[in-house]
PDB file of N, CA and C in Angstrom:
ATOM      1  N   UNK A   1     -28.700  37.002  -2.396  1.00  0.00           N
ATOM      2  CA  UNK A   1     -27.866  36.669  -3.523  1.00  0.00           C
ATOM      3  C   UNK A   1     -28.899  37.261  -4.706  1.00  0.00           C
ATOM      4  N   UNK A   2     -30.107  37.121  -4.699  1.00  0.00           N
ATOM      5  CA  UNK A   2     -30.950  37.498  -5.721  1.00  0.00           C
ATOM      6  C   UNK A   2     -30.733  39.358  -5.655  1.00  0.00           C
ATOM      7  N   UNK A   3     -31.054  39.808  -4.735  1.00  0.00           N
ATOM      8  CA  UNK A   3     -30.833  41.011  -4.691  1.00  0.00           C
ATOM      9  C   UNK A   3     -29.142  41.718  -5.557  1.00  0.00           C
ATOM     10  N   UNK A   4     -28.319  41.098  -4.789  1.00  0.00           N
ATOM     11  CA  UNK A   4     -26.930  41.149  -5.801  1.00  0.00           C
ATOM     12  C   UNK A   4     -27.071  40.891  -7.469  1.00  0.00           C
ATOM     13  N   UNK A   5     -27.735  39.472  -7.662  1.00  0.00           N
ATOM     14  CA  UNK A   5     -27.481  39.642  -8.938  1.00  0.00           C
ATOM     15  C   UNK A   5     -28.236  41.085  -9.943  1.00  0.00           C
ATOM     16  N   UNK A   6     -29.674  40.696  -9.130  1.00  0.00           N
ATOM     17  CA  UNK A   6     -30.456  42.199  -9.764  1.00  0.00           C
ATOM     18  C   UNK A   6     -29.866  43.587  -9.718  1.00  0.00           C
ATOM     19  N   UNK A   7     -28.925  43.539  -8.866  1.00  0.00           N
ATOM     20  CA  UNK A   7     -28.175  45.151  -8.743  1.00  0.00           C
ATOM     21  C   UNK A   7     -27.373  45.143  -9.800  1.00  0.00           C
ATOM     22  N   UNK A   8     -26.314  43.791  -9.903  1.00  0.00           N
ATOM     23  CA  UNK A   8     -25.503  43.840 -10.957  1.00  0.00           C
ATOM     24  C   UNK A   8     -25.715  43.782 -12.419  1.00  0.00           C
ATOM     25  N   UNK A   9     -26.932  43.570 -12.385  1.00  0.00           N
ATOM     26  CA  UNK A   9     -27.722  43.411 -13.858  1.00  0.00           C
ATOM     27  C   UNK A   9     -28.535  44.896 -14.396  1.00  0.00           C
ATOM     28  N   UNK A  10     -28.748  45.247 -13.291  1.00  0.00           N
ATOM     29  CA  UNK A  10     -29.092  46.906 -13.366  1.00  0.00           C
ATOM     30  C   UNK A  10     -28.263  47.683 -13.712  1.00  0.00           C
ATOM     31  N   UNK A  11     -26.944  47.425 -13.135  1.00  0.00           N
ATOM     32  CA  UNK A  11     -25.628  48.322 -13.891  1.00  0.00           C
ATOM     33  C   UNK A  11     -25.343  47.554 -15.033  1.00  0.00           C
ATOM     34  N   UNK A  12     -25.558  46.830 -15.829  1.00  0.00           N
ATOM     35  CA  UNK A  12     -25.218  46.520 -17.220  1.00  0.00           C
ATOM     36  C   UNK A  12     -24.349  45.314 -17.282  1.00  0.00           C
ATOM     37  N   UNK A  13     -23.921  44.527 -15.789  1.00  0.00           N
ATOM     38  CA  UNK A  13     -23.531  43.460 -16.343  1.00  0.00           C
ATOM     39  C   UNK A  13     -23.950  42.234 -16.873  1.00  0.00           C
ATOM     40  N   UNK A  14     -23.385  41.386 -17.657  1.00  0.00           N
ATOM     41  CA  UNK A  14     -24.301  40.295 -18.185  1.00  0.00           C
ATOM     42  C   UNK A  14     -24.240  39.067 -17.098  1.00  0.00           C
ATOM     43  N   UNK A  15     -24.756  38.526 -16.832  1.00  0.00           N
ATOM     44  CA  UNK A  15     -25.132  37.246 -15.862  1.00  0.00           C
ATOM     45  C   UNK A  15     -25.328  35.880 -16.481  1.00  0.00           C
ATOM     46  N   UNK A  16     -24.282  35.176 -16.473  1.00  0.00           N
ATOM     47  CA  UNK A  16     -24.958  33.917 -17.256  1.00  0.00           C
ATOM     48  C   UNK A  16     -24.947  32.597 -16.308  1.00  0.00           C
ATOM     49  N   UNK A  17     -26.024  32.115 -16.206  1.00  0.00           N
ATOM     50  CA  UNK A  17     -26.097  31.009 -15.457  1.00  0.00           C
ATOM     51  C   UNK A  17     -26.312  30.890 -14.103  1.00  0.00           C
ATOM     52  N   UNK A  18     -26.564  29.854 -13.229  1.00  0.00           N
ATOM     53  CA  UNK A  18     -26.993  30.608 -12.088  1.00  0.00           C
ATOM     54  C   UNK A  18     -25.996  30.758 -10.968  1.00  0.00           C
ATOM     55  N   UNK A  19     -26.095  31.715  -9.883  1.00  0.00           N
ATOM     56  CA  UNK A  19     -25.308  31.491  -8.712  1.00  0.00           C
ATOM     57  C   UNK A  19     -25.513  30.456  -8.213  1.00  0.00           C
ATOM     58  N   UNK A  20     -23.909  30.078  -7.575  1.00  0.00           N
ATOM     59  CA  UNK A  20     -24.018  28.844  -6.699  1.00  0.00           C
ATOM     60  C   UNK A  20     -24.208  29.178  -5.262  1.00  0.00           C
ATOM     61  N   UNK A  21     -25.025  28.299  -4.758  1.00  0.00           N
ATOM     62  CA  UNK A  21     -25.485  28.485  -3.408  1.00  0.00           C
ATOM     63  C   UNK A  21     -24.917  27.202  -2.423  1.00  0.00           C
ATOM     64  N   UNK A  22     -24.181  27.485  -1.554  1.00  0.00           N
ATOM     65  CA  UNK A  22     -23.319  26.467  -0.553  1.00  0.00           C
ATOM     66  C   UNK A  22     -23.898  26.147   0.583  1.00  0.00           C
ATOM     67  N   UNK A  23     -24.311  24.918   0.867  1.00  0.00           N
ATOM     68  CA  UNK A  23     -24.883  24.487   2.420  1.00  0.00           C
ATOM     69  C   UNK A  23     -24.765  23.235   2.785  1.00  0.00           C
ATOM     70  N   UNK A  24     -25.285  23.066   4.270  1.00  0.00           N
ATOM     71  CA  UNK A  24     -25.048  21.696   4.301  1.00  0.00           C
ATOM     72  C   UNK A  24     -26.287  20.872   5.139  1.00  0.00           C
ATOM     73  N   UNK A  25     -27.618  21.819   4.996  1.00  0.00           N
ATOM     74  CA  UNK A  25     -29.189  21.295   5.295  1.00  0.00           C
ATOM     75  C   UNK A  25     -29.420  20.325   3.995  1.00  0.00           C
ATOM     76  N   UNK A  26     -29.301  19.158   4.445  1.00  0.00           N
ATOM     77  CA  UNK A  26     -29.420  18.126   3.472  1.00  0.00           C
ATOM     78  C   UNK A  26     -31.445  18.190   3.001  1.00  0.00           C
ATOM     79  N   UNK A  27     -32.012  18.621   4.286  1.00  0.00           N
ATOM     80  CA  UNK A  27     -33.331  18.534   3.761  1.00  0.00           C
ATOM     81  C   UNK A  27     -33.709  20.162   2.934  1.00  0.00           C
ATOM     82  N   UNK A  28     -33.054  21.134   3.410  1.00  0.00           N
ATOM     83  CA  UNK A  28     -33.422  22.129   2.297  1.00  0.00           C
ATOM     84  C   UNK A  28     -32.992  22.109   0.930  1.00  0.00           C
ATOM     85  N   UNK A  29     -31.636  21.429   0.982  1.00  0.00           N
ATOM     86  CA  UNK A  29     -31.011  20.943  -0.218  1.00  0.00           C
ATOM     87  C   UNK A  29     -32.653  20.248  -1.545  1.00  0.00           C
ATOM     88  N   UNK A  30     -32.769  18.957  -0.801  1.00  0.00           N
ATOM     89  CA  UNK A  30     -33.788  18.120  -1.255  1.00  0.00           C
ATOM     90  C   UNK A  30     -35.115  19.050  -1.541  1.00  0.00           C
ATOM     91  N   UNK A  31     -35.435  19.690  -0.487  1.00  0.00           N
ATOM     92  CA  UNK A  31     -36.824  20.299  -0.786  1.00  0.00           C
ATOM     93  C   UNK A  31     -36.622  21.226  -2.163  1.00  0.00           C
ATOM     94  N   UNK A  32     -35.591  22.179  -2.191  1.00  0.00           N
ATOM     95  CA  UNK A  32     -35.456  23.133  -3.503  1.00  0.00           C
ATOM     96  C   UNK A  32     -35.087  22.404  -4.507  1.00  0.00           C
ATOM     97  N   UNK A  33     -34.989  21.174  -4.514  1.00  0.00           N
ATOM     98  CA  UNK A  33     -34.606  20.631  -5.758  1.00  0.00           C
ATOM     99  C   UNK A  33     -35.560  20.145  -6.498  1.00  0.00           C
ATOM    100  N   UNK A  34     -36.997  19.412  -5.657  1.00  0.00           N
ATOM    101  CA  UNK A  34     -38.027  19.061  -5.940  1.00  0.00           C
ATOM    102  C   UNK A  34     -39.242  20.075  -6.216  1.00  0.00           C
ATOM    103  N   UNK A  35     -40.071  20.114  -7.220  1.00  0.00           N
ATOM    104  CA  UNK A  35     -41.053  20.638  -7.366  1.00  0.00           C
ATOM    105  C   UNK A  35     -42.345  20.646  -6.578  1.00  0.00           C
ATOM    106  N   UNK A  36     -43.049  21.341  -6.030  1.00  0.00           N
ATOM    107  CA  UNK A  36     -44.073  21.178  -5.138  1.00  0.00           C
ATOM    108  C   UNK A  36     -43.806  20.775  -3.788  1.00  0.00           C
ATOM    109  N   UNK A  37     -45.106  20.644  -2.875  1.00  0.00           N
ATOM    110  CA  UNK A  37     -44.528  20.343  -1.472  1.00  0.00           C
ATOM    111  C   UNK A  37     -45.231  19.086  -1.011  1.00  0.00           C
ATOM    112  N   UNK A  38     -44.847  18.416   0.046  1.00  0.00           N
ATOM    113  CA  UNK A  38     -45.302  17.390   0.698  1.00  0.00           C
ATOM    114  C   UNK A  38     -45.836  17.646   1.960  1.00  0.00           C
ATOM    115  N   UNK A  39     -46.594  16.514   2.735  1.00  0.00           N
ATOM    116  CA  UNK A  39     -47.115  16.879   3.827  1.00  0.00           C
ATOM    117  C   UNK A  39     -45.901  17.406   4.869  1.00  0.00           C
ATOM    118  N   UNK A  40     -44.694  16.797   4.911  1.00  0.00           N
ATOM    119  CA  UNK A  40     -43.555  16.626   5.681  1.00  0.00           C
ATOM    120  C   UNK A  40     -42.886  18.239   5.509  1.00  0.00           C
ATOM    121  N   UNK A  41     -43.249  19.088   4.363  1.00  0.00           N
ATOM    122  CA  UNK A  41     -42.296  20.144   4.130  1.00  0.00           C
ATOM    123  C   UNK A  41     -43.389  21.369   4.027  1.00  0.00           C
ATOM    124  N   UNK A  42     -44.549  21.144   4.331  1.00  0.00           N
ATOM    125  CA  UNK A  42     -45.598  21.854   4.022  1.00  0.00           C
ATOM    126  C   UNK A  42     -45.337  22.980   5.058  1.00  0.00           C
ATOM    127  N   UNK A  43     -44.938  22.845   6.530  1.00  0.00           N
ATOM    128  CA  UNK A  43     -44.757  23.773   7.391  1.00  0.00           C
ATOM    129  C   UNK A  43     -43.729  24.672   7.472  1.00  0.00           C
ATOM    130  N   UNK A  44     -42.729  24.269   6.892  1.00  0.00           N
ATOM    131  CA  UNK A  44     -41.532  25.400   6.246  1.00  0.00           C
ATOM    132  C   UNK A  44     -41.673  25.716   5.113  1.00  0.00           C
ATOM    133  N   UNK A  45     -42.596  25.607   4.530  1.00  0.00           N
ATOM    134  CA  UNK A  45     -42.651  25.863   2.917  1.00  0.00           C
ATOM    135  C   UNK A  45     -42.652  27.506   2.702  1.00  0.00           C
ATOM    136  N   UNK A  46     -42.790  28.386   3.646  1.00  0.00           N
ATOM    137  CA  UNK A  46     -42.674  29.735   3.509  1.00  0.00           C
ATOM    138  C   UNK A  46     -41.397  30.164   3.523  1.00  0.00           C
ATOM    139  N   UNK A  47     -40.825  29.748   4.378  1.00  0.00           N
ATOM    140  CA  UNK A  47     -39.498  29.944   4.611  1.00  0.00           C
ATOM    141  C   UNK A  47     -38.347  30.092   3.443  1.00  0.00           C
ATOM    142  N   UNK A  48     -38.954  28.763   2.660  1.00  0.00           N
ATOM    143  CA  UNK A  48     -37.929  28.390   1.468  1.00  0.00           C
ATOM    144  C   UNK A  48     -38.347  28.451   0.259  1.00  0.00           C
ATOM    145  N   UNK A  49     -39.459  29.617   0.404  1.00  0.00           N
ATOM    146  CA  UNK A  49     -40.432  29.580  -1.050  1.00  0.00           C
ATOM    147  C   UNK A  49     -39.393  30.475  -1.999  1.00  0.00           C
ATOM    148  N   UNK A  50     -38.589  31.598  -1.219  1.00  0.00           N
ATOM    149  CA  UNK A  50     -37.912  31.996  -2.369  1.00  0.00           C
ATOM    150  C   UNK A  50     -36.643  31.586  -2.681  1.00  0.00           C
ATOM    151  N   UNK A  51     -35.981  30.945  -2.116  1.00  0.00           N
ATOM    152  CA  UNK A  51     -34.979  30.199  -2.509  1.00  0.00           C
ATOM    153  C   UNK A  51     -35.419  28.831  -3.571  1.00  0.00           C
ATOM    154  N   UNK A  52     -36.676  28.373  -3.527  1.00  0.00           N
ATOM    155  CA  UNK A  52     -36.980  27.400  -4.489  1.00  0.00           C
ATOM    156  C   UNK A  52     -37.400  28.112  -5.616  1.00  0.00           C
ATOM    157  N   UNK A  53     -37.824  29.354  -5.483  1.00  0.00           N
ATOM    158  CA  UNK A  53     -38.143  29.873  -6.568  1.00  0.00           C
ATOM    159  C   UNK A  53     -37.041  30.456  -7.478  1.00  0.00           C
ATOM    160  N   UNK A  54     -36.055  30.964  -6.917  1.00  0.00           N
ATOM    161  CA  UNK A  54     -34.706  31.099  -7.730  1.00  0.00           C
ATOM    162  C   UNK A  54     -33.948  29.694  -8.310  1.00  0.00           C
ATOM    163  N   UNK A  55     -34.192  29.235  -7.795  1.00  0.00           N
ATOM    164  CA  UNK A  55     -33.432  27.524  -8.263  1.00  0.00           C
ATOM    165  C   UNK A  55     -34.222  27.077  -9.416  1.00  0.00           C
ATOM    166  N   UNK A  56     -35.556  27.354  -9.303  1.00  0.00           N
ATOM    167  CA  UNK A  56     -36.573  26.943 -10.611  1.00  0.00           C
ATOM    168  C   UNK A  56     -36.629  27.934 -11.728  1.00  0.00           C
ATOM    169  N   UNK A  57     -35.927  29.192 -11.223  1.00  0.00           N
ATOM    170  CA  UNK A  57     -35.853  30.208 -12.406  1.00  0.00           C
ATOM    171  C   UNK A  57     -34.423  30.190 -13.010  1.00  0.00           C
ATOM    172  N   UNK A  58     -33.266  29.100 -12.450  1.00  0.00           N
ATOM    173  CA  UNK A  58     -32.070  29.212 -12.829  1.00  0.00           C
ATOM    174  C   UNK A  58     -31.213  30.401 -12.300  1.00  0.00           C
ATOM    175  N   UNK A  59     -31.700  30.874 -11.349  1.00  0.00           N
ATOM    176  CA  UNK A  59     -30.733  32.139 -10.336  1.00  0.00           C
ATOM    177  C   UNK A  59     -29.946  31.346  -9.735  1.00  0.00           C
ATOM    178  N   UNK A  60     -30.203  30.420  -9.062  1.00  0.00           N
ATOM    179  CA  UNK A  60     -29.271  29.886  -7.729  1.00  0.00           C
ATOM    180  C   UNK A  60     -29.148  28.391  -8.266  1.00  0.00           C
ATOM    181  N   UNK A  61     -28.303  27.640  -8.108  1.00  0.00           N
ATOM    182  CA  UNK A  61     -27.755  26.549  -8.105  1.00  0.00           C
ATOM    183  C   UNK A  61     -27.111  25.929  -6.702  1.00  0.00           C
ATOM    184  N   UNK A  62     -28.157  25.222  -5.957  1.00  0.00           N
ATOM    185  CA  UNK A  62     -27.769  24.672  -4.532  1.00  0.00           C
ATOM    186  C   UNK A  62     -26.633  23.596  -4.859  1.00  0.00           C
ATOM    187  N   UNK A  63     -25.854  23.196  -3.693  1.00  0.00           N
ATOM    188  CA  UNK A  63     -24.756  22.329  -3.650  1.00  0.00           C
ATOM    189  C   UNK A  63     -25.053  22.168  -2.189  1.00  0.00           C
ATOM    190  N   UNK A  64     -24.699  20.786  -2.136  1.00  0.00           N
ATOM    191  CA  UNK A  64     -24.683  20.201  -0.813  1.00  0.00           C
ATOM    192  C   UNK A  64     -23.502  19.860  -0.158  1.00  0.00           C
ATOM    193  N   UNK A  65     -22.828  20.590   0.977  1.00  0.00           N
ATOM    194  CA  UNK A  65     -21.708  19.880   1.340  1.00  0.00           C
ATOM    195  C   UNK A  65     -21.824  18.917   2.443  1.00  0.00           C
ATOM    196  N   UNK A  66     -21.015  17.835   2.565  1.00  0.00           N
ATOM    197  CA  UNK A  66     -20.729  17.224   3.602  1.00  0.00           C
ATOM    198  C   UNK A  66     -20.657  17.722   4.879  1.00  0.00           C
ATOM    199  N   UNK A  67     -20.934  17.382   6.483  1.00  0.00           N
ATOM    200  CA  UNK A  67     -21.086  17.729   7.377  1.00  0.00           C
ATOM    201  C   UNK A  67     -19.456  17.900   8.011  1.00  0.00           C
ATOM    202  N   UNK A  68     -18.535  16.371   7.120  1.00  0.00           N
ATOM    203  CA  UNK A  68     -17.197  16.485   7.308  1.00  0.00           C
ATOM    204  C   UNK A  68     -16.284  17.929   6.614  1.00  0.00           C
ATOM    205  N   UNK A  69     -16.931  18.320   5.916  1.00  0.00           N
ATOM    206  CA  UNK A  69     -15.973  19.296   5.003  1.00  0.00           C
ATOM    207  C   UNK A  69     -16.632  20.674   5.421  1.00  0.00           C
ATOM    208  N   UNK A  70     -17.614  21.040   6.241  1.00  0.00           N
ATOM    209  CA  UNK A  70     -18.114  22.206   6.339  1.00  0.00           C
ATOM    210  C   UNK A  70     -17.417  22.661   7.572  1.00  0.00           C
ATOM    211  N   UNK A  71     -16.661  23.782   7.439  1.00  0.00           N
ATOM    212  CA  UNK A  71     -15.672  24.242   8.390  1.00  0.00           C
ATOM    213  C   UNK A  71     -16.369  25.050   9.664  1.00  0.00           C
ATOM    214  N   UNK A  72     -17.760  25.267   9.036  1.00  0.00           N
ATOM    215  CA  UNK A  72     -18.607  26.520  10.111  1.00  0.00           C
ATOM    216  C   UNK A  72     -18.862  25.094  11.326  1.00  0.00           C
ATOM    217  N   UNK A  73     -19.195  24.063  11.014  1.00  0.00           N
ATOM    218  CA  UNK A  73     -19.664  23.227  11.747  1.00  0.00           C
ATOM    219  C   UNK A  73     -18.862  23.255  13.425  1.00  0.00           C
ATOM    220  N   UNK A  74     -17.579  23.436  13.125  1.00  0.00           N
ATOM    221  CA  UNK A  74     -16.869  23.403  14.330  1.00  0.00           C
ATOM    222  C   UNK A  74     -17.229  24.525  15.647  1.00  0.00           C
ATOM    223  N   UNK A  75     -18.279  25.189  15.224  1.00  0.00           N
ATOM    224  CA  UNK A  75     -18.664  26.270  15.799  1.00  0.00           C
ATOM    225  C   UNK A  75     -20.262  26.434  16.328  1.00  0.00           C
ATOM    226  N   UNK A  76     -20.797  25.360  15.491  1.00  0.00           N
ATOM    227  CA  UNK A  76     -22.414  25.157  15.875  1.00  0.00           C
ATOM    228  C   UNK A  76     -22.434  23.842  16.198  1.00  0.00           C
ATOM    229  N   UNK A  77     -21.555  22.656  16.139  1.00  0.00           N
ATOM    230  CA  UNK A  77     -21.978  21.527  16.801  1.00  0.00           C
ATOM    231  C   UNK A  77     -20.932  20.760  17.291  1.00  0.00           C
ATOM    232  N   UNK A  78     -21.178  19.824  18.084  1.00  0.00           N
ATOM    233  CA  UNK A  78     -20.346  18.561  18.656  1.00  0.00           C
ATOM    234  C   UNK A  78     -20.035  17.883  17.211  1.00  0.00           C
ATOM    235  N   UNK A  79     -18.551  17.910  16.953  1.00  0.00           N
ATOM    236  CA  UNK A  79     -17.964  17.123  16.108  1.00  0.00           C
ATOM    237  C   UNK A  79     -16.941  16.043  16.418  1.00  0.00           C
ATOM    238  N   UNK A  80     -16.894  14.625  15.786  1.00  0.00           N
ATOM    239  CA  UNK A  80     -15.928  13.809  16.265  1.00  0.00           C
ATOM    240  C   UNK A  80     -14.669  14.671  16.146  1.00  0.00           C
ATOM    241  N   UNK A  81     -13.554  14.082  16.983  1.00  0.00           N
ATOM    242  CA  UNK A  81     -12.111  14.280  17.409  1.00  0.00           C
ATOM    243  C   UNK A  81     -11.705  14.186  16.111  1.00  0.00           C
ATOM    244  N   UNK A  82     -11.454  13.603  15.267  1.00  0.00           N
ATOM    245  CA  UNK A  82     -10.310  13.793  14.353  1.00  0.00           C
ATOM    246  C   UNK A  82     -10.966  14.861  13.082  1.00  0.00           C
ATOM    247  N   UNK A  83     -12.290  15.112  12.968  1.00  0.00           N
ATOM    248  CA  UNK A  83     -12.907  15.828  12.156  1.00  0.00           C
ATOM    249  C   UNK A  83     -12.561  17.535  12.895  1.00  0.00           C
ATOM    250  N   UNK A  84     -12.595  17.471  14.195  1.00  0.00           N
ATOM    251  CA  UNK A  84     -12.572  18.602  14.665  1.00  0.00           C
ATOM    252  C   UNK A  84     -11.267  18.930  14.692  1.00  0.00           C
ATOM    253  N   UNK A  85     -10.202  18.401  14.849  1.00  0.00           N
ATOM    254  CA  UNK A  85      -8.945  18.556  14.869  1.00  0.00           C
ATOM    255  C   UNK A  85      -8.363  18.950  13.330  1.00  0.00           C
ATOM    256  N   UNK A  86      -8.958  18.375  11.978  1.00  0.00           N
ATOM    257  CA  UNK A  86      -8.755  18.801  11.006  1.00  0.00           C
ATOM    258  C   UNK A  86      -9.427  19.805  10.364  1.00  0.00           C
ATOM    259  N   UNK A  87     -10.582  20.263  10.725  1.00  0.00           N
ATOM    260  CA  UNK A  87     -11.111  21.655  10.642  1.00  0.00           C
ATOM    261  C   UNK A  87     -10.328  22.692  11.534  1.00  0.00           C
ATOM    262  N   UNK A  88      -9.904  22.433  12.990  1.00  0.00           N
ATOM    263  CA  UNK A  88      -8.848  23.229  13.799  1.00  0.00           C
ATOM    264  C   UNK A  88      -7.736  23.709  12.699  1.00  0.00           C
ATOM    265  N   UNK A  89      -7.111  22.433  12.338  1.00  0.00           N
ATOM    266  CA  UNK A  89      -5.901  22.469  11.531  1.00  0.00           C
ATOM    267  C   UNK A  89      -6.141  23.771  10.671  1.00  0.00           C
ATOM    268  N   UNK A  90      -7.271  23.220   9.894  1.00  0.00           N
ATOM    269  CA  UNK A  90      -7.592  24.078   8.259  1.00  0.00           C
ATOM    270  C   UNK A  90      -7.661  25.437   8.411  1.00  0.00           C
ATOM    271  N   UNK A  91      -8.582  26.166   9.603  1.00  0.00           N
ATOM    272  CA  UNK A  91      -8.879  27.170   9.961  1.00  0.00           C
ATOM    273  C   UNK A  91      -7.747  27.953  10.490  1.00  0.00           C
ATOM    274  N   UNK A  92      -6.673  27.498  11.070  1.00  0.00           N
ATOM    275  CA  UNK A  92      -5.583  27.805  11.863  1.00  0.00           C
ATOM    276  C   UNK A  92      -4.770  27.880  10.959  1.00  0.00           C
ATOM    277  N   UNK A  93      -4.603  27.404   9.438  1.00  0.00           N
ATOM    278  CA  UNK A  93      -3.551  27.275   8.485  1.00  0.00           C
ATOM    279  C   UNK A  93      -1.918  26.158   9.010  1.00  0.00           C
ATOM    280  N   UNK A  94      -2.403  25.223   9.651  1.00  0.00           N
ATOM    281  CA  UNK A  94      -1.338  24.658  10.155  1.00  0.00           C
ATOM    282  C   UNK A  94      -1.101  23.128   9.243  1.00  0.00           C
ATOM    283  N   UNK A  95       0.149  23.315   8.845  1.00  0.00           N
ATOM    284  CA  UNK A  95       0.883  22.506   7.980  1.00  0.00           C
ATOM    285  C   UNK A  95       1.975  21.847   8.443  1.00  0.00           C
ATOM    286  N   UNK A  96       1.618  20.372   8.883  1.00  0.00           N
ATOM    287  CA  UNK A  96       2.381  19.699   9.638  1.00  0.00           C
ATOM    288  C   UNK A  96       4.121  19.244   8.975  1.00  0.00           C
ATOM    289  N   UNK A  97       3.425  19.104   7.602  1.00  0.00           N
ATOM    290  CA  UNK A  97       4.560  18.578   6.926  1.00  0.00           C
ATOM    291  C   UNK A  97       5.022  19.302   6.081  1.00  0.00           C
ATOM    292  N   UNK A  98       4.738  20.766   6.189  1.00  0.00           N
ATOM    293  CA  UNK A  98       5.566  21.773   5.507  1.00  0.00           C
ATOM    294  C   UNK A  98       6.764  21.908   6.647  1.00  0.00           C
ATOM    295  N   UNK A  99       6.424  21.890   7.714  1.00  0.00           N
ATOM    296  CA  UNK A  99       7.137  22.500   9.121  1.00  0.00           C
ATOM    297  C   UNK A  99       8.397  21.518   9.178  1.00  0.00           C
ATOM    298  N   UNK A 100       7.817  20.176   8.894  1.00  0.00           N
ATOM    299  CA  UNK A 100       9.132  19.194   8.827  1.00  0.00           C
ATOM    300  C   UNK A 100       9.871  19.246   7.723  1.00  0.00           C
ATOM    301  N   UNK A 101       9.343  19.621   6.627  1.00  0.00           N
ATOM    302  CA  UNK A 101      10.496  20.233   5.409  1.00  0.00           C
ATOM    303  C   UNK A 101      11.144  21.194   5.779  1.00  0.00           C
ATOM    304  N   UNK A 102      10.742  22.417   6.301  1.00  0.00           N
ATOM    305  CA  UNK A 102      11.453  23.125   6.730  1.00  0.00           C
ATOM    306  C   UNK A 102      12.435  23.086   7.622  1.00  0.00           C
ATOM    307  N   UNK A 103      12.253  22.374   8.337  1.00  0.00           N
ATOM    308  CA  UNK A 103      13.221  22.120   9.757  1.00  0.00           C
ATOM    309  C   UNK A 103      14.518  21.009   8.893  1.00  0.00           C
ATOM    310  N   UNK A 104      13.919  20.352   7.858  1.00  0.00           N
ATOM    311  CA  UNK A 104      14.927  19.582   6.991  1.00  0.00           C
ATOM    312  C   UNK A 104      15.938  20.650   6.114  1.00  0.00           C
ATOM    313  N   UNK A 105      15.179  21.489   5.784  1.00  0.00           N
ATOM    314  CA  UNK A 105      15.936  22.866   4.857  1.00  0.00           C
ATOM    315  C   UNK A 105      17.075  23.405   6.071  1.00  0.00           C
ATOM    316  N   UNK A 106      16.914  23.786   7.087  1.00  0.00           N
ATOM    317  CA  UNK A 106      17.412  24.551   8.087  1.00  0.00           C
ATOM    318  C   UNK A 106      18.831  23.517   8.262  1.00  0.00           C
ATOM    319  N   UNK A 107      18.589  22.382   8.110  1.00  0.00           N
ATOM    320  CA  UNK A 107      19.559  21.356   8.243  1.00  0.00           C
ATOM    321  C   UNK A 107      20.874  21.474   6.830  1.00  0.00           C
ATOM    322  N   UNK A 108      20.211  21.669   5.817  1.00  0.00           N
ATOM    323  CA  UNK A 108      21.483  21.428   4.827  1.00  0.00           C
ATOM    324  C   UNK A 108      21.487  22.972   3.921  1.00  0.00           C
ATOM    325  N   UNK A 109      20.703  24.214   4.803  1.00  0.00           N
ATOM    326  CA  UNK A 109      20.825  25.445   3.903  1.00  0.00           C
ATOM    327  C   UNK A 109      22.101  26.241   4.640  1.00  0.00           C
ATOM    328  N   UNK A 110      22.139  27.053   3.637  1.00  0.00           N
ATOM    329  CA  UNK A 110      23.484  28.128   4.317  1.00  0.00           C
ATOM    330  C   UNK A 110      22.888  29.499   4.012  1.00  0.00           C
ATOM    331  N   UNK A 111      23.100  30.386   4.761  1.00  0.00           N
ATOM    332  CA  UNK A 111      23.334  31.913   4.269  1.00  0.00           C
ATOM    333  C   UNK A 111      21.602  32.461   4.254  1.00  0.00           C
ATOM    334  N   UNK A 112      21.512  33.390   3.175  1.00  0.00           N
ATOM    335  CA  UNK A 112      20.406  33.618   3.186  1.00  0.00           C
ATOM    336  C   UNK A 112      18.780  32.544   3.025  1.00  0.00           C
ATOM    337  N   UNK A 113      18.981  31.520   2.479  1.00  0.00           N
ATOM    338  CA  UNK A 113      18.320  30.618   2.283  1.00  0.00           C
ATOM    339  C   UNK A 113      17.558  30.353   4.050  1.00  0.00           C
ATOM    340  N   UNK A 114      18.739  29.834   4.780  1.00  0.00           N
ATOM    341  CA  UNK A 114      18.696  29.631   6.042  1.00  0.00           C
ATOM    342  C   UNK A 114      17.733  30.362   7.052  1.00  0.00           C
ATOM    343  N   UNK A 115      18.088  31.871   6.824  1.00  0.00           N
ATOM    344  CA  UNK A 115      17.388  32.751   7.404  1.00  0.00           C
ATOM    345  C   UNK A 115      16.166  32.767   7.147  1.00  0.00           C
ATOM    346  N   UNK A 116      15.814  32.823   6.007  1.00  0.00           N
ATOM    347  CA  UNK A 116      14.349  32.755   5.100  1.00  0.00           C
ATOM    348  C   UNK A 116      13.508  31.343   5.775  1.00  0.00           C
ATOM    349  N   UNK A 117      14.396  30.379   6.033  1.00  0.00           N
ATOM    350  CA  UNK A 117      13.736  29.224   6.395  1.00  0.00           C
ATOM    351  C   UNK A 117      13.378  29.447   8.175  1.00  0.00           C
ATOM    352  N   UNK A 118      14.312  29.956   8.629  1.00  0.00           N
ATOM    353  CA  UNK A 118      14.162  30.120  10.325  1.00  0.00           C
ATOM    354  C   UNK A 118      13.312  30.947  10.305  1.00  0.00           C
ATOM    355  N   UNK A 119      12.996  32.055   9.827  1.00  0.00           N
ATOM    356  CA  UNK A 119      11.584  32.908  10.021  1.00  0.00           C
ATOM    357  C   UNK A 119      10.621  32.434   9.527  1.00  0.00           C
ATOM    358  N   UNK A 120      10.405  31.203   8.503  1.00  0.00           N
ATOM    359  CA  UNK A 120       9.118  30.501   8.286  1.00  0.00           C
ATOM    360  C   UNK A 120       8.576  29.491   9.255  1.00  0.00           C
ATOM    361  N   UNK A 121       9.905  28.830  10.007  1.00  0.00           N
ATOM    362  CA  UNK A 121       9.401  28.397  10.612  1.00  0.00           C
ATOM    363  C   UNK A 121       8.841  28.898  12.188  1.00  0.00           C
ATOM    364  N   UNK A 122       9.343  29.671  11.933  1.00  0.00           N
ATOM    365  CA  UNK A 122       8.811  30.410  13.534  1.00  0.00           C
ATOM    366  C   UNK A 122       7.708  31.205  13.446  1.00  0.00           C
ATOM    367  N   UNK A 123       6.887  31.193  12.151  1.00  0.00           N
ATOM    368  CA  UNK A 123       6.020  31.994  11.681  1.00  0.00           C
ATOM    369  C   UNK A 123       4.898  30.868  11.965  1.00  0.00           C
ATOM    370  N   UNK A 124       5.253  29.334  11.562  1.00  0.00           N
ATOM    371  CA  UNK A 124       4.576  28.340  11.567  1.00  0.00           C
ATOM    372  C   UNK A 124       3.751  27.901  13.180  1.00  0.00           C
TER     373      UNK A 124
END
């Protein structure tokens, strides 16, 4: 992100404010928010030094995303069944409420509207 920001600045674009950095690693989020190192964080200080510096220079603004809202977690770890189903439905663009409303439309619609609703229900 720092490279992209510098590249845009070199091309004459005006950048205002920090760029958003989204992640779900709470330890990393807390470490880049506070200045200095502690005994617990010293061993991976080198890996986070660039991000920490970018946050202090207001180039990046980290945001912590809860595990229940991080869609990529479905590929990296076991999740509860309800969370898995919600993430799967979000990724597959499943809308159960929309399907039932379209079925109701099929019952009362006529002509071109009915044909359009049939095609939409077939795509869901």
